[in-house]
Amino acid sequence: MPNTKNYDDMTPEEQKEHDRIAREKEEAEQAALPYRWKQTLQDVDVTVPVPKGTRARDLIVTIKKKHLTAGLKNNPPIIEGELCKEIKVEDCTWTLEDQKEIYIHLEKVNGAEWWENVIKTHPTIDTTKIQPENSKLSDLDGETRAMVEKMMFDQRQKQLGKKTSDELQKEEILKKFQAQHPELDFSNAKIS
């Protein structure tokens, strides 16, 4: 009999067993799909197996804002249906890899959410259990990278009990101002 307890009321062992069963069920459902898929926050990649020796001209692949169709001409589609979320059609591509797989790259409109499935009617995955890959600073654009590096520096400084970059910057401005105005007394000045 399935456990009818609320997840939060379970012991850590019960939660672990519940998660294991759910993961196995999810893996079996995903393995039964006629395609494989993976995602990042920005995109979804779908791989559709086709008979070895298939040529691109033998395929029908249609990518629309909320719909995807892929398969062999004159056959029922291997994958077809409404996408669970909208995509940027102009940034999506498909290729035939080694004459045995259709590789479809879909760019998400909302690059800040995980998809539960590719086709709305297909089995879902538990997006709360997704472990995103660690991103590298070098993957970020210049402005974002500078902001992240500043945040990391400030966090290290606080842990060491030292001044943050903003506090150091204010101190530097005050020193320059003092040098420009030696006639003023800054002995009781407070930086805020």
N, C-alpha and C. Protein backbone atom coordinates (compact mmCIF):
# COMPACT_ATOMS: atom_id res chain seq x y z
N MET A 1 0.84 -1.19 0.00
CA MET A 1 0.00 0.00 0.00
C MET A 1 0.89 1.25 0.00
N PRO A 2 0.59 2.25 -0.87
CA PRO A 2 1.44 3.44 -0.93
C PRO A 2 1.35 4.23 0.38
N ASN A 3 2.42 4.92 0.66
CA ASN A 3 2.48 5.73 1.87
C ASN A 3 1.55 6.94 1.70
N THR A 4 0.59 7.09 2.61
CA THR A 4 -0.37 8.19 2.49
C THR A 4 0.01 9.36 3.39
N LYS A 5 1.14 9.26 4.08
CA LYS A 5 1.63 10.35 4.92
C LYS A 5 2.02 11.55 4.07
N ASN A 6 1.85 12.73 4.64
CA ASN A 6 2.33 13.95 4.01
C ASN A 6 3.86 13.90 4.00
N TYR A 7 4.49 14.33 2.93
CA TYR A 7 5.95 14.25 2.79
C TYR A 7 6.66 14.88 3.97
N ASP A 8 6.19 16.06 4.41
CA ASP A 8 6.84 16.77 5.52
C ASP A 8 6.71 16.03 6.85
N ASP A 9 5.71 15.14 6.97
CA ASP A 9 5.50 14.38 8.20
C ASP A 9 6.31 13.07 8.22
N MET A 10 6.97 12.74 7.11
CA MET A 10 7.74 11.50 7.02
C MET A 10 9.07 11.65 7.74
N THR A 11 9.61 10.53 8.20
CA THR A 11 10.96 10.52 8.75
C THR A 11 11.94 10.67 7.59
N PRO A 12 13.19 11.05 7.86
CA PRO A 12 14.16 11.16 6.77
C PRO A 12 14.30 9.86 5.97
N GLU A 13 14.22 8.70 6.65
CA GLU A 13 14.30 7.41 5.96
C GLU A 13 13.10 7.22 5.03
N GLU A 14 11.90 7.57 5.51
CA GLU A 14 10.69 7.44 4.69
C GLU A 14 10.75 8.38 3.48
N GLN A 15 11.26 9.60 3.71
CA GLN A 15 11.40 10.54 2.59
C GLN A 15 12.37 10.00 1.55
N LYS A 16 13.48 9.42 2.02
CA LYS A 16 14.49 8.86 1.11
C LYS A 16 13.88 7.73 0.27
N GLU A 17 13.11 6.86 0.91
CA GLU A 17 12.47 5.74 0.21
C GLU A 17 11.41 6.27 -0.77
N HIS A 18 10.64 7.26 -0.33
CA HIS A 18 9.62 7.87 -1.18
C HIS A 18 10.29 8.47 -2.43
N ASP A 19 11.39 9.20 -2.23
CA ASP A 19 12.12 9.82 -3.34
C ASP A 19 12.68 8.76 -4.28
N ARG A 20 13.21 7.65 -3.73
CA ARG A 20 13.77 6.57 -4.55
C ARG A 20 12.69 5.96 -5.45
N ILE A 21 11.52 5.69 -4.87
CA ILE A 21 10.42 5.11 -5.64
C ILE A 21 9.95 6.08 -6.73
N ALA A 22 9.82 7.36 -6.37
CA ALA A 22 9.39 8.38 -7.34
C ALA A 22 10.41 8.51 -8.46
N ARG A 23 11.70 8.47 -8.12
CA ARG A 23 12.77 8.59 -9.13
C ARG A 23 12.74 7.40 -10.08
N GLU A 24 12.57 6.19 -9.54
CA GLU A 24 12.50 5.00 -10.38
C GLU A 24 11.31 5.06 -11.33
N LYS A 25 10.16 5.50 -10.82
CA LYS A 25 8.95 5.63 -11.64
C LYS A 25 9.19 6.65 -12.77
N GLU A 26 9.77 7.79 -12.38
CA GLU A 26 10.07 8.86 -13.35
C GLU A 26 11.04 8.36 -14.43
N GLU A 27 12.11 7.66 -14.01
CA GLU A 27 13.09 7.15 -14.96
C GLU A 27 12.46 6.16 -15.94
N ALA A 28 11.57 5.29 -15.42
CA ALA A 28 10.90 4.30 -16.28
C ALA A 28 9.98 5.01 -17.28
N GLU A 29 9.25 6.01 -16.83
CA GLU A 29 8.36 6.77 -17.73
C GLU A 29 9.16 7.48 -18.81
N GLN A 30 10.28 8.11 -18.42
CA GLN A 30 11.10 8.84 -19.39
C GLN A 30 11.76 7.87 -20.38
N ALA A 31 12.19 6.70 -19.90
CA ALA A 31 12.84 5.71 -20.77
C ALA A 31 11.85 5.15 -21.79
N ALA A 32 10.56 5.17 -21.47
CA ALA A 32 9.54 4.63 -22.38
C ALA A 32 9.20 5.61 -23.51
N LEU A 33 9.62 6.85 -23.39
CA LEU A 33 9.34 7.84 -24.44
C LEU A 33 10.12 7.48 -25.71
N PRO A 34 9.60 7.84 -26.89
CA PRO A 34 10.31 7.52 -28.14
C PRO A 34 11.45 8.52 -28.44
N TYR A 35 11.90 9.24 -27.46
CA TYR A 35 12.97 10.22 -27.60
C TYR A 35 13.64 10.40 -26.24
N ARG A 36 14.81 11.03 -26.24
CA ARG A 36 15.50 11.41 -25.01
C ARG A 36 15.58 12.94 -24.99
N TRP A 37 15.61 13.50 -23.80
CA TRP A 37 15.73 14.96 -23.72
C TRP A 37 16.49 15.36 -22.48
N LYS A 38 17.11 16.53 -22.58
CA LYS A 38 17.80 17.14 -21.44
C LYS A 38 17.61 18.64 -21.56
N GLN A 39 17.86 19.34 -20.47
CA GLN A 39 17.62 20.78 -20.49
C GLN A 39 18.60 21.53 -19.59
N THR A 40 18.74 22.82 -19.93
CA THR A 40 19.36 23.79 -19.04
C THR A 40 18.26 24.81 -18.80
N LEU A 41 18.53 25.84 -18.04
CA LEU A 41 17.49 26.85 -17.84
C LEU A 41 17.16 27.57 -19.15
N GLN A 42 18.11 27.63 -20.09
CA GLN A 42 17.91 28.37 -21.34
C GLN A 42 17.36 27.54 -22.48
N ASP A 43 17.64 26.24 -22.50
CA ASP A 43 17.26 25.46 -23.68
C ASP A 43 16.91 24.01 -23.36
N VAL A 44 16.34 23.35 -24.36
CA VAL A 44 15.98 21.93 -24.28
C VAL A 44 16.55 21.25 -25.52
N ASP A 45 17.21 20.11 -25.33
CA ASP A 45 17.73 19.33 -26.45
C ASP A 45 17.01 17.99 -26.48
N VAL A 46 16.45 17.68 -27.65
CA VAL A 46 15.69 16.45 -27.84
C VAL A 46 16.41 15.60 -28.88
N THR A 47 16.59 14.31 -28.57
CA THR A 47 17.22 13.38 -29.50
C THR A 47 16.19 12.31 -29.85
N VAL A 48 15.89 12.19 -31.15
CA VAL A 48 14.88 11.24 -31.63
C VAL A 48 15.57 10.19 -32.49
N PRO A 49 15.61 8.92 -32.03
CA PRO A 49 16.23 7.87 -32.85
C PRO A 49 15.41 7.60 -34.11
N VAL A 50 16.11 7.39 -35.23
CA VAL A 50 15.48 7.00 -36.50
C VAL A 50 16.28 5.83 -37.07
N PRO A 51 15.72 5.10 -38.04
CA PRO A 51 16.46 3.96 -38.60
C PRO A 51 17.81 4.39 -39.18
N LYS A 52 18.85 3.58 -38.95
CA LYS A 52 20.19 3.85 -39.49
C LYS A 52 20.10 4.02 -41.00
N GLY A 53 20.81 5.01 -41.52
CA GLY A 53 20.80 5.26 -42.96
C GLY A 53 19.75 6.29 -43.39
N THR A 54 18.99 6.82 -42.43
CA THR A 54 17.98 7.84 -42.74
C THR A 54 18.68 9.08 -43.28
N ARG A 55 18.06 9.71 -44.27
CA ARG A 55 18.59 10.95 -44.83
C ARG A 55 17.66 12.10 -44.43
N ALA A 56 18.20 13.30 -44.40
CA ALA A 56 17.42 14.47 -43.99
C ALA A 56 16.17 14.63 -44.86
N ARG A 57 16.26 14.32 -46.13
CA ARG A 57 15.11 14.49 -47.02
C ARG A 57 13.99 13.49 -46.69
N ASP A 58 14.31 12.44 -45.90
CA ASP A 58 13.30 11.46 -45.49
C ASP A 58 12.52 11.92 -44.26
N LEU A 59 12.91 13.06 -43.70
CA LEU A 59 12.34 13.51 -42.43
C LEU A 59 11.35 14.66 -42.58
N ILE A 60 10.46 14.73 -41.61
CA ILE A 60 9.60 15.91 -41.44
C ILE A 60 9.83 16.40 -40.02
N VAL A 61 10.34 17.62 -39.91
CA VAL A 61 10.54 18.24 -38.60
C VAL A 61 9.91 19.62 -38.66
N THR A 62 8.93 19.85 -37.80
CA THR A 62 8.26 21.14 -37.75
C THR A 62 8.37 21.69 -36.33
N ILE A 63 8.94 22.89 -36.23
CA ILE A 63 9.12 23.52 -34.92
C ILE A 63 8.32 24.82 -34.93
N LYS A 64 7.33 24.90 -34.06
CA LYS A 64 6.51 26.10 -33.91
C LYS A 64 6.60 26.59 -32.47
N LYS A 65 6.09 27.78 -32.22
CA LYS A 65 6.19 28.41 -30.91
C LYS A 65 5.73 27.51 -29.76
N LYS A 66 4.66 26.74 -29.99
CA LYS A 66 4.14 25.86 -28.94
C LYS A 66 3.89 24.44 -29.43
N HIS A 67 4.51 24.05 -30.55
CA HIS A 67 4.22 22.73 -31.12
C HIS A 67 5.48 22.14 -31.77
N LEU A 68 5.62 20.81 -31.64
CA LEU A 68 6.77 20.13 -32.23
C LEU A 68 6.30 18.85 -32.92
N THR A 69 6.79 18.63 -34.12
CA THR A 69 6.54 17.39 -34.86
C THR A 69 7.88 16.92 -35.44
N ALA A 70 8.17 15.62 -35.30
CA ALA A 70 9.38 15.06 -35.90
C ALA A 70 9.14 13.59 -36.21
N GLY A 71 9.59 13.18 -37.40
CA GLY A 71 9.47 11.78 -37.78
C GLY A 71 9.83 11.58 -39.23
N LEU A 72 9.54 10.37 -39.71
CA LEU A 72 9.83 10.01 -41.10
C LEU A 72 8.63 10.34 -41.98
N LYS A 73 8.89 10.81 -43.19
CA LYS A 73 7.82 11.09 -44.15
C LYS A 73 7.00 9.82 -44.36
N ASN A 74 5.70 10.00 -44.63
CA ASN A 74 4.78 8.90 -44.91
C ASN A 74 4.64 7.90 -43.76
N ASN A 75 4.98 8.32 -42.55
CA ASN A 75 4.82 7.50 -41.34
C ASN A 75 4.21 8.37 -40.25
N PRO A 76 3.59 7.77 -39.24
CA PRO A 76 3.11 8.58 -38.12
C PRO A 76 4.31 9.25 -37.44
N PRO A 77 4.15 10.48 -36.97
CA PRO A 77 5.27 11.18 -36.33
C PRO A 77 5.80 10.39 -35.12
N ILE A 78 7.09 10.46 -34.89
CA ILE A 78 7.69 9.82 -33.71
C ILE A 78 7.39 10.67 -32.48
N ILE A 79 7.46 11.99 -32.67
CA ILE A 79 7.13 12.92 -31.59
C ILE A 79 6.23 14.00 -32.19
N GLU A 80 5.11 14.26 -31.52
CA GLU A 80 4.20 15.29 -32.00
C GLU A 80 3.32 15.74 -30.86
N GLY A 81 3.17 17.06 -30.75
CA GLY A 81 2.26 17.58 -29.75
C GLY A 81 2.59 18.99 -29.33
N GLU A 82 1.76 19.47 -28.40
CA GLU A 82 1.93 20.82 -27.89
C GLU A 82 3.07 20.83 -26.88
N LEU A 83 4.01 21.76 -27.06
CA LEU A 83 5.12 21.91 -26.13
C LEU A 83 4.59 22.42 -24.79
N CYS A 84 5.25 22.04 -23.70
CA CYS A 84 4.76 22.45 -22.38
C CYS A 84 4.94 23.95 -22.15
N LYS A 85 5.90 24.56 -22.83
CA LYS A 85 6.15 26.00 -22.72
C LYS A 85 6.49 26.54 -24.12
N GLU A 86 6.48 27.87 -24.23
CA GLU A 86 6.80 28.49 -25.52
C GLU A 86 8.31 28.51 -25.77
N ILE A 87 8.66 28.49 -27.06
CA ILE A 87 10.06 28.54 -27.48
C ILE A 87 10.29 29.70 -28.44
N LYS A 88 11.55 30.08 -28.60
CA LYS A 88 11.94 31.10 -29.58
C LYS A 88 12.24 30.38 -30.89
N VAL A 89 11.26 30.31 -31.76
CA VAL A 89 11.37 29.51 -32.99
C VAL A 89 12.61 29.90 -33.81
N GLU A 90 12.89 31.20 -33.90
CA GLU A 90 14.00 31.66 -34.73
C GLU A 90 15.36 31.18 -34.21
N ASP A 91 15.44 30.78 -32.94
CA ASP A 91 16.70 30.31 -32.36
C ASP A 91 16.76 28.78 -32.23
N CYS A 92 15.77 28.09 -32.77
CA CYS A 92 15.72 26.63 -32.69
C CYS A 92 16.27 26.02 -33.97
N THR A 93 16.89 24.83 -33.82
CA THR A 93 17.47 24.15 -34.97
C THR A 93 17.24 22.64 -34.85
N TRP A 94 17.41 21.96 -35.98
CA TRP A 94 17.44 20.50 -35.95
C TRP A 94 18.46 20.02 -36.96
N THR A 95 19.08 18.89 -36.64
CA THR A 95 20.03 18.27 -37.55
C THR A 95 19.86 16.75 -37.48
N LEU A 96 20.33 16.09 -38.52
CA LEU A 96 20.36 14.63 -38.54
C LEU A 96 21.79 14.21 -38.19
N GLU A 97 21.95 13.48 -37.09
CA GLU A 97 23.27 13.08 -36.62
C GLU A 97 23.56 11.63 -37.02
N ASP A 98 24.66 11.41 -37.73
CA ASP A 98 25.12 10.07 -38.12
C ASP A 98 24.05 9.22 -38.80
N GLN A 99 23.12 9.86 -39.46
CA GLN A 99 22.02 9.19 -40.18
C GLN A 99 21.24 8.22 -39.27
N LYS A 100 21.19 8.55 -37.95
CA LYS A 100 20.45 7.66 -37.04
C LYS A 100 19.69 8.40 -35.93
N GLU A 101 19.89 9.72 -35.79
CA GLU A 101 19.17 10.46 -34.75
C GLU A 101 18.87 11.87 -35.24
N ILE A 102 17.67 12.33 -34.91
CA ILE A 102 17.34 13.73 -35.15
C ILE A 102 17.68 14.46 -33.85
N TYR A 103 18.50 15.48 -33.96
CA TYR A 103 18.88 16.29 -32.80
C TYR A 103 18.14 17.61 -32.93
N ILE A 104 17.26 17.92 -31.97
CA ILE A 104 16.45 19.15 -32.01
C ILE A 104 16.85 20.03 -30.84
N HIS A 105 17.23 21.26 -31.16
CA HIS A 105 17.62 22.24 -30.12
C HIS A 105 16.51 23.29 -30.02
N LEU A 106 15.93 23.41 -28.82
CA LEU A 106 14.85 24.37 -28.58
C LEU A 106 15.31 25.42 -27.58
N GLU A 107 15.16 26.70 -27.93
CA GLU A 107 15.49 27.80 -27.03
C GLU A 107 14.22 28.21 -26.27
N LYS A 108 14.29 28.22 -24.96
CA LYS A 108 13.13 28.59 -24.14
C LYS A 108 12.87 30.10 -24.22
N VAL A 109 11.59 30.48 -24.22
CA VAL A 109 11.25 31.90 -24.14
C VAL A 109 11.59 32.38 -22.73
N ASN A 110 11.18 31.61 -21.72
CA ASN A 110 11.49 31.96 -20.34
C ASN A 110 12.72 31.16 -19.93
N GLY A 111 13.86 31.82 -19.87
CA GLY A 111 15.10 31.14 -19.53
C GLY A 111 15.35 31.05 -18.04
N ALA A 112 14.28 31.06 -17.25
CA ALA A 112 14.45 30.99 -15.80
C ALA A 112 13.56 29.93 -15.17
N GLU A 113 13.14 28.96 -15.98
CA GLU A 113 12.30 27.90 -15.40
C GLU A 113 12.62 26.56 -16.04
N TRP A 114 12.43 25.51 -15.24
CA TRP A 114 12.64 24.14 -15.71
C TRP A 114 11.36 23.63 -16.33
N TRP A 115 11.48 22.85 -17.39
CA TRP A 115 10.33 22.21 -18.01
C TRP A 115 10.06 20.88 -17.31
N GLU A 116 8.79 20.56 -17.10
CA GLU A 116 8.41 19.27 -16.52
C GLU A 116 8.42 18.16 -17.57
N ASN A 117 8.18 18.54 -18.82
CA ASN A 117 8.18 17.60 -19.93
C ASN A 117 8.36 18.40 -21.22
N VAL A 118 8.54 17.70 -22.34
CA VAL A 118 8.67 18.39 -23.62
C VAL A 118 7.27 18.59 -24.21
N ILE A 119 6.55 17.49 -24.38
CA ILE A 119 5.18 17.53 -24.90
C ILE A 119 4.23 17.49 -23.70
N LYS A 120 3.27 18.42 -23.70
CA LYS A 120 2.37 18.59 -22.56
C LYS A 120 1.74 17.30 -22.05
N THR A 121 1.36 16.41 -22.95
CA THR A 121 0.64 15.19 -22.54
C THR A 121 1.58 14.06 -22.11
N HIS A 122 2.88 14.24 -22.20
CA HIS A 122 3.83 13.19 -21.84
C HIS A 122 4.14 13.21 -20.34
N PRO A 123 4.65 12.10 -19.80
CA PRO A 123 4.96 12.05 -18.37
C PRO A 123 5.88 13.19 -17.95
N THR A 124 5.68 13.64 -16.71
CA THR A 124 6.46 14.78 -16.20
C THR A 124 7.62 14.30 -15.33
N ILE A 125 8.55 15.22 -15.12
CA ILE A 125 9.64 14.99 -14.17
C ILE A 125 9.44 15.95 -13.01
N ASP A 126 10.01 15.63 -11.86
CA ASP A 126 9.93 16.49 -10.68
C ASP A 126 11.02 17.54 -10.79
N THR A 127 10.65 18.74 -11.18
CA THR A 127 11.65 19.80 -11.42
C THR A 127 12.30 20.27 -10.12
N THR A 128 11.70 19.97 -8.96
CA THR A 128 12.31 20.39 -7.69
C THR A 128 13.54 19.55 -7.38
N LYS A 129 13.70 18.42 -8.07
CA LYS A 129 14.84 17.52 -7.81
C LYS A 129 15.98 17.74 -8.80
N ILE A 130 15.83 18.69 -9.71
CA ILE A 130 16.87 18.95 -10.71
C ILE A 130 18.09 19.55 -10.03
N GLN A 131 19.25 18.98 -10.31
CA GLN A 131 20.52 19.50 -9.82
C GLN A 131 21.22 20.20 -10.99
N PRO A 132 21.13 21.54 -11.07
CA PRO A 132 21.76 22.22 -12.21
C PRO A 132 23.28 22.06 -12.17
N GLU A 133 23.85 22.04 -13.36
CA GLU A 133 25.31 21.97 -13.45
C GLU A 133 25.89 23.28 -12.93
N ASN A 134 27.05 23.16 -12.30
CA ASN A 134 27.72 24.38 -11.85
C ASN A 134 28.16 25.16 -13.08
N SER A 135 27.85 26.44 -13.08
CA SER A 135 28.30 27.25 -14.20
C SER A 135 29.67 27.83 -13.88
N LYS A 136 30.40 28.15 -14.92
CA LYS A 136 31.73 28.71 -14.75
C LYS A 136 31.64 30.23 -14.94
N LEU A 137 32.46 30.96 -14.23
CA LEU A 137 32.48 32.42 -14.40
C LEU A 137 32.75 32.79 -15.85
N SER A 138 33.58 31.99 -16.53
CA SER A 138 33.93 32.31 -17.91
C SER A 138 32.73 32.19 -18.86
N ASP A 139 31.65 31.48 -18.42
CA ASP A 139 30.45 31.35 -19.25
C ASP A 139 29.59 32.62 -19.22
N LEU A 140 29.83 33.48 -18.25
CA LEU A 140 28.98 34.67 -18.07
C LEU A 140 29.45 35.82 -18.94
N ASP A 141 28.49 36.70 -19.30
CA ASP A 141 28.88 37.91 -20.04
C ASP A 141 29.62 38.84 -19.09
N GLY A 142 30.34 39.80 -19.64
CA GLY A 142 31.22 40.68 -18.86
C GLY A 142 30.56 41.35 -17.68
N GLU A 143 29.39 41.94 -17.88
CA GLU A 143 28.71 42.67 -16.82
C GLU A 143 28.27 41.73 -15.70
N THR A 144 27.69 40.60 -16.06
CA THR A 144 27.23 39.63 -15.05
C THR A 144 28.42 39.06 -14.30
N ARG A 145 29.49 38.76 -15.04
CA ARG A 145 30.68 38.20 -14.41
C ARG A 145 31.26 39.18 -13.39
N ALA A 146 31.35 40.45 -13.75
CA ALA A 146 31.88 41.47 -12.84
C ALA A 146 31.03 41.56 -11.58
N MET A 147 29.71 41.50 -11.75
CA MET A 147 28.80 41.57 -10.61
C MET A 147 28.99 40.35 -9.69
N VAL A 148 29.10 39.15 -10.27
CA VAL A 148 29.29 37.94 -9.48
C VAL A 148 30.64 37.97 -8.76
N GLU A 149 31.69 38.41 -9.47
CA GLU A 149 33.01 38.50 -8.84
C GLU A 149 33.00 39.48 -7.67
N LYS A 150 32.30 40.60 -7.83
CA LYS A 150 32.18 41.59 -6.75
C LYS A 150 31.46 40.97 -5.55
N MET A 151 30.38 40.25 -5.82
CA MET A 151 29.62 39.61 -4.73
C MET A 151 30.50 38.58 -4.00
N MET A 152 31.28 37.81 -4.78
CA MET A 152 32.16 36.81 -4.17
C MET A 152 33.24 37.48 -3.32
N PHE A 153 33.81 38.57 -3.83
CA PHE A 153 34.83 39.32 -3.09
C PHE A 153 34.24 39.84 -1.78
N ASP A 154 33.07 40.48 -1.87
CA ASP A 154 32.43 41.03 -0.68
C ASP A 154 32.11 39.95 0.35
N GLN A 155 31.68 38.79 -0.12
CA GLN A 155 31.36 37.69 0.79
C GLN A 155 32.63 37.22 1.52
N ARG A 156 33.74 37.09 0.78
CA ARG A 156 35.01 36.69 1.41
C ARG A 156 35.46 37.73 2.42
N GLN A 157 35.35 39.01 2.04
CA GLN A 157 35.77 40.10 2.94
C GLN A 157 34.96 40.06 4.24
N LYS A 158 33.64 39.87 4.14
CA LYS A 158 32.79 39.82 5.33
C LYS A 158 33.17 38.65 6.22
N GLN A 159 33.44 37.50 5.60
CA GLN A 159 33.83 36.32 6.38
C GLN A 159 35.14 36.56 7.13
N LEU A 160 36.02 37.37 6.54
CA LEU A 160 37.31 37.68 7.17
C LEU A 160 37.22 38.89 8.10
N GLY A 161 36.00 39.49 8.18
CA GLY A 161 35.82 40.67 9.03
C GLY A 161 36.44 41.92 8.44
N LYS A 162 36.65 41.92 7.12
CA LYS A 162 37.24 43.08 6.44
C LYS A 162 36.17 43.89 5.73
N LYS A 163 36.61 45.02 5.16
CA LYS A 163 35.67 45.92 4.49
C LYS A 163 35.27 45.38 3.12
N THR A 164 33.99 45.65 2.73
CA THR A 164 33.50 45.25 1.41
C THR A 164 34.02 46.23 0.37
N SER A 165 33.80 45.91 -0.91
CA SER A 165 34.28 46.77 -1.99
C SER A 165 33.62 48.15 -1.92
N ASP A 166 32.34 48.20 -1.53
CA ASP A 166 31.66 49.50 -1.41
C ASP A 166 32.28 50.33 -0.29
N GLU A 167 32.59 49.70 0.84
CA GLU A 167 33.20 50.42 1.96
C GLU A 167 34.60 50.90 1.59
N LEU A 168 35.35 50.07 0.89
CA LEU A 168 36.69 50.46 0.44
C LEU A 168 36.62 51.63 -0.54
N GLN A 169 35.61 51.58 -1.42
CA GLN A 169 35.43 52.66 -2.41
C GLN A 169 35.09 53.98 -1.72
N LYS A 170 34.20 53.94 -0.73
CA LYS A 170 33.83 55.16 0.01
C LYS A 170 35.05 55.71 0.75
N GLU A 171 35.85 54.83 1.33
CA GLU A 171 37.06 55.24 2.04
C GLU A 171 38.03 55.94 1.09
N GLU A 172 38.17 55.39 -0.12
CA GLU A 172 39.06 55.96 -1.13
C GLU A 172 38.58 57.35 -1.56
N ILE A 173 37.28 57.50 -1.74
CA ILE A 173 36.70 58.80 -2.12
C ILE A 173 36.97 59.84 -1.02
N LEU A 174 36.79 59.41 0.24
CA LEU A 174 37.03 60.31 1.36
C LEU A 174 38.50 60.74 1.41
N LYS A 175 39.42 59.81 1.18
CA LYS A 175 40.85 60.14 1.18
C LYS A 175 41.17 61.17 0.10
N LYS A 176 40.62 60.98 -1.10
CA LYS A 176 40.85 61.94 -2.20
C LYS A 176 40.29 63.31 -1.84
N PHE A 177 39.10 63.32 -1.25
CA PHE A 177 38.46 64.58 -0.86
C PHE A 177 39.31 65.28 0.20
N GLN A 178 39.83 64.51 1.18
CA GLN A 178 40.70 65.07 2.22
C GLN A 178 41.95 65.68 1.60
N ALA A 179 42.53 65.00 0.62
CA ALA A 179 43.75 65.49 -0.02
C ALA A 179 43.47 66.80 -0.77
N GLN A 180 42.27 66.90 -1.34
CA GLN A 180 41.91 68.10 -2.09
C GLN A 180 41.53 69.27 -1.16
N HIS A 181 41.12 68.94 0.09
CA HIS A 181 40.68 69.97 1.05
C HIS A 181 41.39 69.79 2.39
N PRO A 182 42.70 70.10 2.43
CA PRO A 182 43.46 69.91 3.69
C PRO A 182 43.01 70.87 4.80
N GLU A 183 42.28 71.93 4.44
CA GLU A 183 41.85 72.90 5.45
C GLU A 183 40.70 72.37 6.31
N LEU A 184 40.03 71.31 5.86
CA LEU A 184 38.90 70.76 6.62
C LEU A 184 39.37 69.68 7.58
N ASP A 185 38.67 69.59 8.75
CA ASP A 185 39.01 68.59 9.77
C ASP A 185 38.07 67.39 9.59
N PHE A 186 38.64 66.22 9.28
CA PHE A 186 37.85 65.00 9.09
C PHE A 186 38.03 64.01 10.23
N SER A 187 38.60 64.45 11.35
CA SER A 187 38.91 63.51 12.44
C SER A 187 37.68 62.84 13.02
N ASN A 188 36.54 63.49 13.00
CA ASN A 188 35.30 62.89 13.54
C ASN A 188 34.33 62.46 12.46
N ALA A 189 34.80 62.39 11.21
CA ALA A 189 33.90 62.03 10.10
C ALA A 189 33.53 60.55 10.17
N LYS A 190 32.25 60.28 9.93
CA LYS A 190 31.75 58.89 9.89
C LYS A 190 31.31 58.60 8.45
N ILE A 191 31.74 57.46 7.93
CA ILE A 191 31.37 57.08 6.57
C ILE A 191 30.09 56.25 6.64
N SER A 192 29.10 56.67 5.84
CA SER A 192 27.85 55.86 5.81
C SER A 192 27.35 55.75 4.39
